[in-house]
Amino acid sequence: MADPYVFEQVAARNNMSPMRFMNQSEDCKMAMFRDYVTAKGIAQQAQRLSEQGLSGEALPITRNQLDTISASQRASIRDNISALHQGKVAKTGFSSVESLEVNTSTPQLVNDANNAISGQLDSTDKNSIPSRANALDENVSAWASPDKAIERGRFNMMQSVEDTEGHDIADYSSKLVNAVMGGDGTADGGKLTDNMKRKEGAPLPINIEIKKK
């Protein structure tokens, strides 16, 4: 060892006397020694200034070099810093430190939209949704109301059935006359092709083997 007092320093660092340190096991002494050497190396490294930056440039390490750089940087400071600062502040719109007058009222556009929506729900307005719905219900009930008996002027279910039967009888008669006169029973005298007469769906060939000619 270059330092004959190194073990005393290790013992002092661990709050031990040299005798107590020497009575420790070899593994324990070596662990404390490694911890002491590591801490001492870190401290020495922290006391030495690096002479080179991360990008490879030389760094000042003496007082004269630091003073030279400080003087150069101070000389580069512009005299109109205050004016430059005021110009940048002016670009932000700042004019004074007085409190702002903030208008938190609802914009007119929002009020108009709310009024328009409220108007559509106002039952006293004849053009509102509830008024038009009531008018539709009243109109429908005038012609077909399930809670009232069928009366004159209302929709008559039996009359509708009778009209449908009348149309069906007339159509059947026309088709019958057409068939008697040599037609195909279409009531318009037209002739139907075989495809028109087909009552089944068209075949859908799937997985059918096609024979080659």
C-alpha atoms as a PDB file:
ATOM      1  CA  MET A   1       0.000   0.000   0.000  1.00  0.00           C
ATOM      2  CA  ALA A   2       1.266   3.482  -0.888  1.00  0.00           C
ATOM      3  CA  ASP A   3      -0.512   4.943   2.149  1.00  0.00           C
ATOM      4  CA  PRO A   4       0.598   3.175   5.384  1.00  0.00           C
ATOM      5  CA  TYR A   5      -2.320   4.691   7.268  1.00  0.00           C
ATOM      6  CA  VAL A   6      -5.037   3.536   4.862  1.00  0.00           C
ATOM      7  CA  PHE A   7      -6.461   0.963   7.292  1.00  0.00           C
ATOM      8  CA  GLU A   8      -6.711   3.584  10.013  1.00  0.00           C
ATOM      9  CA  GLN A   9      -8.609   5.820   7.592  1.00  0.00           C
ATOM     10  CA  VAL A  10     -10.970   2.962   6.677  1.00  0.00           C
ATOM     11  CA  ALA A  11     -11.560   2.231  10.356  1.00  0.00           C
ATOM     12  CA  ALA A  12     -12.197   5.904  11.127  1.00  0.00           C
ATOM     13  CA  ARG A  13     -14.649   6.134   8.223  1.00  0.00           C
ATOM     14  CA  ASN A  14     -16.639   3.238   9.738  1.00  0.00           C
ATOM     15  CA  ASN A  15     -16.412   4.646  13.312  1.00  0.00           C
ATOM     16  CA  MET A  16     -14.015   1.930  14.459  1.00  0.00           C
ATOM     17  CA  SER A  17     -10.690   1.855  16.179  1.00  0.00           C
ATOM     18  CA  PRO A  18      -7.803   0.308  14.207  1.00  0.00           C
ATOM     19  CA  MET A  19      -7.774  -2.695  16.587  1.00  0.00           C
ATOM     20  CA  ARG A  20     -11.496  -3.354  16.138  1.00  0.00           C
ATOM     21  CA  PHE A  21     -11.122  -3.023  12.389  1.00  0.00           C
ATOM     22  CA  MET A  22      -8.337  -5.597  12.304  1.00  0.00           C
ATOM     23  CA  ASN A  23     -10.487  -8.024  14.322  1.00  0.00           C
ATOM     24  CA  GLN A  24     -13.170  -8.052  11.631  1.00  0.00           C
ATOM     25  CA  SER A  25     -13.400 -10.922   9.164  1.00  0.00           C
ATOM     26  CA  GLU A  26     -11.443 -10.674   5.939  1.00  0.00           C
ATOM     27  CA  ASP A  27     -14.623 -10.363   3.848  1.00  0.00           C
ATOM     28  CA  CYS A  28     -15.912  -7.572   6.083  1.00  0.00           C
ATOM     29  CA  LYS A  29     -12.572  -5.676   5.968  1.00  0.00           C
ATOM     30  CA  MET A  30     -12.360  -5.988   2.185  1.00  0.00           C
ATOM     31  CA  ALA A  31     -15.924  -4.730   1.780  1.00  0.00           C
ATOM     32  CA  MET A  32     -15.234  -1.670   3.935  1.00  0.00           C
ATOM     33  CA  PHE A  33     -11.948  -1.092   2.110  1.00  0.00           C
ATOM     34  CA  ARG A  34     -13.614  -1.203  -1.315  1.00  0.00           C
ATOM     35  CA  ASP A  35     -16.297   1.190  -0.133  1.00  0.00           C
ATOM     36  CA  TYR A  36     -13.627   3.608   1.160  1.00  0.00           C
ATOM     37  CA  VAL A  37     -11.596   3.496  -2.056  1.00  0.00           C
ATOM     38  CA  THR A  38     -14.701   4.011  -4.193  1.00  0.00           C
ATOM     39  CA  ALA A  39     -15.874   7.023  -2.174  1.00  0.00           C
ATOM     40  CA  LYS A  40     -12.356   8.544  -2.193  1.00  0.00           C
ATOM     41  CA  GLY A  41     -12.077   8.120  -5.954  1.00  0.00           C
ATOM     42  CA  ILE A  42     -15.450   9.802  -6.541  1.00  0.00           C
ATOM     43  CA  ALA A  43     -14.437  12.730  -4.345  1.00  0.00           C
ATOM     44  CA  GLN A  44     -11.112  13.180  -6.130  1.00  0.00           C
ATOM     45  CA  GLN A  45     -12.822  13.026  -9.505  1.00  0.00           C
ATOM     46  CA  ALA A  46     -15.333  15.659  -8.442  1.00  0.00           C
ATOM     47  CA  GLN A  47     -12.504  17.983  -7.409  1.00  0.00           C
ATOM     48  CA  ARG A  48     -10.882  17.825 -10.848  1.00  0.00           C
ATOM     49  CA  LEU A  49     -12.443  19.979 -13.526  1.00  0.00           C
ATOM     50  CA  SER A  50     -12.880  18.428 -16.913  1.00  0.00           C
ATOM     51  CA  GLU A  51     -10.708  20.037 -19.544  1.00  0.00           C
ATOM     52  CA  GLN A  52     -12.904  18.936 -22.458  1.00  0.00           C
ATOM     53  CA  GLY A  53     -16.605  19.278 -23.195  1.00  0.00           C
ATOM     54  CA  LEU A  54     -18.943  16.580 -24.501  1.00  0.00           C
ATOM     55  CA  SER A  55     -18.511  17.855 -28.060  1.00  0.00           C
ATOM     56  CA  GLY A  56     -14.708  17.946 -27.793  1.00  0.00           C
ATOM     57  CA  GLU A  57     -14.234  21.669 -27.201  1.00  0.00           C
ATOM     58  CA  ALA A  58     -11.690  22.876 -24.659  1.00  0.00           C
ATOM     59  CA  LEU A  59     -13.107  24.070 -21.349  1.00  0.00           C
ATOM     60  CA  PRO A  60     -11.631  26.810 -19.161  1.00  0.00           C
ATOM     61  CA  ILE A  61      -9.914  25.402 -16.092  1.00  0.00           C
ATOM     62  CA  THR A  62      -8.020  28.410 -14.696  1.00  0.00           C
ATOM     63  CA  ARG A  63      -9.275  31.600 -13.121  1.00  0.00           C
ATOM     64  CA  ASN A  64      -7.790  33.723 -15.900  1.00  0.00           C
ATOM     65  CA  GLN A  65      -9.569  31.670 -18.569  1.00  0.00           C
ATOM     66  CA  LEU A  66     -12.885  31.977 -16.725  1.00  0.00           C
ATOM     67  CA  ASP A  67     -12.421  35.746 -16.332  1.00  0.00           C
ATOM     68  CA  THR A  68     -11.671  36.106 -20.043  1.00  0.00           C
ATOM     69  CA  ILE A  69     -14.806  34.229 -21.057  1.00  0.00           C
ATOM     70  CA  SER A  70     -16.921  36.179 -18.550  1.00  0.00           C
ATOM     71  CA  ALA A  71     -15.656  39.496 -19.859  1.00  0.00           C
ATOM     72  CA  SER A  72     -16.279  38.456 -23.465  1.00  0.00           C
ATOM     73  CA  GLN A  73     -19.845  37.376 -22.741  1.00  0.00           C
ATOM     74  CA  ARG A  74     -20.602  40.547 -20.761  1.00  0.00           C
ATOM     75  CA  ALA A  75     -19.304  42.655 -23.627  1.00  0.00           C
ATOM     76  CA  SER A  76     -21.693  40.915 -26.022  1.00  0.00           C
ATOM     77  CA  ILE A  77     -24.742  41.918 -23.957  1.00  0.00           C
ATOM     78  CA  ARG A  78     -26.706  44.560 -25.822  1.00  0.00           C
ATOM     79  CA  ASP A  79     -27.435  47.958 -24.296  1.00  0.00           C
ATOM     80  CA  ASN A  80     -31.081  48.025 -25.403  1.00  0.00           C
ATOM     81  CA  ILE A  81     -32.261  44.934 -23.548  1.00  0.00           C
ATOM     82  CA  SER A  82     -35.038  46.859 -21.834  1.00  0.00           C
ATOM     83  CA  ALA A  83     -36.344  48.220 -25.149  1.00  0.00           C
ATOM     84  CA  LEU A  84     -36.237  44.766 -26.712  1.00  0.00           C
ATOM     85  CA  HIS A  85     -38.158  43.355 -23.763  1.00  0.00           C
ATOM     86  CA  GLN A  86     -40.817  46.076 -23.996  1.00  0.00           C
ATOM     87  CA  GLY A  87     -41.198  45.383 -27.700  1.00  0.00           C
ATOM     88  CA  LYS A  88     -41.830  41.694 -27.083  1.00  0.00           C
ATOM     89  CA  VAL A  89     -44.284  42.521 -24.298  1.00  0.00           C
ATOM     90  CA  ALA A  90     -46.164  44.850 -26.635  1.00  0.00           C
ATOM     91  CA  LYS A  91     -46.588  42.006 -29.146  1.00  0.00           C
ATOM     92  CA  THR A  92     -48.513  40.022 -26.525  1.00  0.00           C
ATOM     93  CA  GLY A  93     -51.107  42.792 -26.247  1.00  0.00           C
ATOM     94  CA  PHE A  94     -50.176  43.731 -22.689  1.00  0.00           C
ATOM     95  CA  SER A  95     -50.791  47.403 -21.889  1.00  0.00           C
ATOM     96  CA  SER A  96     -51.147  47.686 -18.120  1.00  0.00           C
ATOM     97  CA  VAL A  97     -51.532  45.747 -14.895  1.00  0.00           C
ATOM     98  CA  GLU A  98     -55.115  46.842 -14.384  1.00  0.00           C
ATOM     99  CA  SER A  99     -57.760  44.141 -14.013  1.00  0.00           C
ATOM    100  CA  LEU A 100     -59.484  43.025 -17.192  1.00  0.00           C
ATOM    101  CA  GLU A 101     -63.149  43.647 -17.805  1.00  0.00           C
ATOM    102  CA  VAL A 102     -64.334  40.188 -18.731  1.00  0.00           C
ATOM    103  CA  ASN A 103     -67.783  39.869 -20.275  1.00  0.00           C
ATOM    104  CA  THR A 104     -69.205  36.537 -19.121  1.00  0.00           C
ATOM    105  CA  SER A 105     -72.701  37.103 -20.477  1.00  0.00           C
ATOM    106  CA  THR A 106     -74.182  34.627 -22.933  1.00  0.00           C
ATOM    107  CA  PRO A 107     -73.522  35.572 -26.575  1.00  0.00           C
ATOM    108  CA  GLN A 108     -76.505  36.720 -28.614  1.00  0.00           C
ATOM    109  CA  LEU A 109     -76.038  33.825 -31.024  1.00  0.00           C
ATOM    110  CA  VAL A 110     -76.544  31.347 -28.187  1.00  0.00           C
ATOM    111  CA  ASN A 111     -79.591  33.260 -26.937  1.00  0.00           C
ATOM    112  CA  ASP A 112     -81.132  33.203 -30.422  1.00  0.00           C
ATOM    113  CA  ALA A 113     -80.545  29.449 -30.679  1.00  0.00           C
ATOM    114  CA  ASN A 114     -82.124  28.836 -27.265  1.00  0.00           C
ATOM    115  CA  ASN A 115     -85.126  30.976 -28.181  1.00  0.00           C
ATOM    116  CA  ALA A 116     -85.578  29.126 -31.461  1.00  0.00           C
ATOM    117  CA  ILE A 117     -85.538  25.760 -29.699  1.00  0.00           C
ATOM    118  CA  SER A 118     -87.837  26.961 -26.933  1.00  0.00           C
ATOM    119  CA  GLY A 119     -90.231  28.333 -29.552  1.00  0.00           C
ATOM    120  CA  GLN A 120     -90.496  24.906 -31.161  1.00  0.00           C
ATOM    121  CA  LEU A 121     -91.615  23.504 -27.801  1.00  0.00           C
ATOM    122  CA  ASP A 122     -94.046  26.289 -26.909  1.00  0.00           C
ATOM    123  CA  SER A 123     -97.547  24.783 -27.013  1.00  0.00           C
ATOM    124  CA  THR A 124     -99.116  28.247 -27.304  1.00  0.00           C
ATOM    125  CA  ASP A 125     -97.447  28.753 -30.702  1.00  0.00           C
ATOM    126  CA  LYS A 126     -99.490  27.187 -33.507  1.00  0.00           C
ATOM    127  CA  ASN A 127     -96.313  26.458 -35.463  1.00  0.00           C
ATOM    128  CA  SER A 128     -94.596  24.635 -32.596  1.00  0.00           C
ATOM    129  CA  ILE A 129     -94.065  20.886 -32.569  1.00  0.00           C
ATOM    130  CA  PRO A 130     -96.658  20.165 -29.836  1.00  0.00           C
ATOM    131  CA  SER A 131     -99.292  22.335 -31.606  1.00  0.00           C
ATOM    132  CA  ARG A 132     -98.716  20.667 -34.972  1.00  0.00           C
ATOM    133  CA  ALA A 133     -98.807  17.211 -33.351  1.00  0.00           C
ATOM    134  CA  ASN A 134    -102.135  18.017 -31.667  1.00  0.00           C
ATOM    135  CA  ALA A 135    -103.515  19.327 -34.949  1.00  0.00           C
ATOM    136  CA  LEU A 136    -102.490  16.094 -36.699  1.00  0.00           C
ATOM    137  CA  ASP A 137    -104.093  13.978 -33.983  1.00  0.00           C
ATOM    138  CA  GLU A 138    -107.291  16.018 -34.233  1.00  0.00           C
ATOM    139  CA  ASN A 139    -107.395  15.647 -38.011  1.00  0.00           C
ATOM    140  CA  VAL A 140    -106.790  11.886 -37.876  1.00  0.00           C
ATOM    141  CA  SER A 141    -109.378  11.416 -35.154  1.00  0.00           C
ATOM    142  CA  ALA A 142    -111.934  13.196 -37.320  1.00  0.00           C
ATOM    143  CA  TRP A 143    -111.721  10.401 -39.889  1.00  0.00           C
ATOM    144  CA  ALA A 144    -110.673   7.308 -37.960  1.00  0.00           C
ATOM    145  CA  SER A 145    -110.887   7.160 -34.211  1.00  0.00           C
ATOM    146  CA  PRO A 146    -110.617   3.783 -32.463  1.00  0.00           C
ATOM    147  CA  ASP A 147    -112.438   5.039 -29.386  1.00  0.00           C
ATOM    148  CA  LYS A 148    -115.600   6.029 -31.243  1.00  0.00           C
ATOM    149  CA  ALA A 149    -118.131   4.163 -33.274  1.00  0.00           C
ATOM    150  CA  ILE A 150    -117.950   4.403 -37.073  1.00  0.00           C
ATOM    151  CA  GLU A 151    -120.179   7.193 -38.207  1.00  0.00           C
ATOM    152  CA  ARG A 152    -120.901   9.008 -41.390  1.00  0.00           C
ATOM    153  CA  GLY A 153    -117.965  11.083 -42.528  1.00  0.00           C
ATOM    154  CA  ARG A 154    -115.475   8.795 -40.845  1.00  0.00           C
ATOM    155  CA  PHE A 155    -113.467   6.010 -42.375  1.00  0.00           C
ATOM    156  CA  ASN A 156    -115.771   3.020 -42.903  1.00  0.00           C
ATOM    157  CA  MET A 157    -114.013  -0.315 -42.832  1.00  0.00           C
ATOM    158  CA  MET A 158    -116.906  -2.202 -44.407  1.00  0.00           C
ATOM    159  CA  GLN A 159    -117.153   0.353 -47.209  1.00  0.00           C
ATOM    160  CA  SER A 160    -113.480  -0.245 -47.960  1.00  0.00           C
ATOM    161  CA  VAL A 161    -114.050  -4.007 -48.003  1.00  0.00           C
ATOM    162  CA  GLU A 162    -117.044  -3.617 -50.325  1.00  0.00           C
ATOM    163  CA  ASP A 163    -115.065  -1.431 -52.711  1.00  0.00           C
ATOM    164  CA  THR A 164    -112.256  -4.012 -52.779  1.00  0.00           C
ATOM    165  CA  GLU A 165    -114.728  -6.812 -53.505  1.00  0.00           C
ATOM    166  CA  GLY A 166    -116.249  -4.787 -56.334  1.00  0.00           C
ATOM    167  CA  HIS A 167    -112.847  -4.240 -57.933  1.00  0.00           C
ATOM    168  CA  ASP A 168    -112.059  -7.932 -57.540  1.00  0.00           C
ATOM    169  CA  ILE A 169    -115.335  -9.002 -59.252  1.00  0.00           C
ATOM    170  CA  ALA A 170    -114.739  -6.597 -62.141  1.00  0.00           C
ATOM    171  CA  ASP A 171    -111.192  -7.807 -62.589  1.00  0.00           C
ATOM    172  CA  TYR A 172    -112.247 -11.453 -62.518  1.00  0.00           C
ATOM    173  CA  SER A 173    -114.933 -10.837 -65.111  1.00  0.00           C
ATOM    174  CA  SER A 174    -112.489  -9.103 -67.444  1.00  0.00           C
ATOM    175  CA  LYS A 175    -109.996 -11.959 -67.157  1.00  0.00           C
ATOM    176  CA  LEU A 176    -112.738 -14.534 -67.730  1.00  0.00           C
ATOM    177  CA  VAL A 177    -113.924 -12.791 -70.910  1.00  0.00           C
ATOM    178  CA  ASN A 178    -110.313 -12.544 -72.087  1.00  0.00           C
ATOM    179  CA  ALA A 179    -109.774 -16.271 -71.550  1.00  0.00           C
ATOM    180  CA  VAL A 180    -112.972 -17.121 -73.451  1.00  0.00           C
ATOM    181  CA  MET A 181    -111.902 -14.917 -76.357  1.00  0.00           C
ATOM    182  CA  GLY A 182    -108.620 -16.847 -76.652  1.00  0.00           C
ATOM    183  CA  GLY A 183    -106.379 -14.747 -74.442  1.00  0.00           C
ATOM    184  CA  ASP A 184    -104.332 -15.836 -71.487  1.00  0.00           C
ATOM    185  CA  GLY A 185    -106.670 -14.394 -68.873  1.00  0.00           C
ATOM    186  CA  THR A 186    -104.770 -11.142 -68.304  1.00  0.00           C
ATOM    187  CA  ALA A 187    -107.787  -8.989 -69.007  1.00  0.00           C
ATOM    188  CA  ASP A 188    -105.832  -6.926 -71.508  1.00  0.00           C
ATOM    189  CA  GLY A 189    -105.793  -9.363 -74.427  1.00  0.00           C
ATOM    190  CA  GLY A 190    -102.033  -9.918 -74.227  1.00  0.00           C
ATOM    191  CA  LYS A 191    -100.325 -13.255 -74.806  1.00  0.00           C
ATOM    192  CA  LEU A 192     -98.034 -14.596 -72.108  1.00  0.00           C
ATOM    193  CA  THR A 193     -94.796 -16.416 -72.883  1.00  0.00           C
ATOM    194  CA  ASP A 194     -93.835 -19.632 -71.130  1.00  0.00           C
ATOM    195  CA  ASN A 195     -91.554 -17.686 -68.830  1.00  0.00           C
ATOM    196  CA  MET A 196     -94.388 -15.301 -67.946  1.00  0.00           C
ATOM    197  CA  LYS A 197     -96.662 -18.240 -67.133  1.00  0.00           C
ATOM    198  CA  ARG A 198     -94.062 -19.829 -64.840  1.00  0.00           C
ATOM    199  CA  LYS A 199     -95.234 -19.913 -61.235  1.00  0.00           C
ATOM    200  CA  GLU A 200     -92.094 -21.471 -59.775  1.00  0.00           C
ATOM    201  CA  GLY A 201     -88.828 -19.738 -59.103  1.00  0.00           C
ATOM    202  CA  ALA A 202     -86.023 -19.998 -61.630  1.00  0.00           C
ATOM    203  CA  PRO A 203     -83.683 -22.920 -60.958  1.00  0.00           C
ATOM    204  CA  LEU A 204     -80.385 -22.060 -59.331  1.00  0.00           C
ATOM    205  CA  PRO A 205     -77.773 -24.598 -60.447  1.00  0.00           C
ATOM    206  CA  ILE A 206     -75.251 -25.216 -57.667  1.00  0.00           C
ATOM    207  CA  ASN A 207     -72.606 -27.957 -57.762  1.00  0.00           C
ATOM    208  CA  ILE A 208     -74.149 -29.412 -60.897  1.00  0.00           C
ATOM    209  CA  GLU A 209     -71.724 -31.178 -63.167  1.00  0.00           C
ATOM    210  CA  ILE A 210     -71.751 -29.745 -66.678  1.00  0.00           C
ATOM    211  CA  LYS A 211     -71.128 -32.325 -69.325  1.00  0.00           C
ATOM    212  CA  LYS A 212     -68.730 -31.340 -72.063  1.00  0.00           C
ATOM    213  CA  LYS A 213     -69.960 -31.752 -75.601  1.00  0.00           C
END
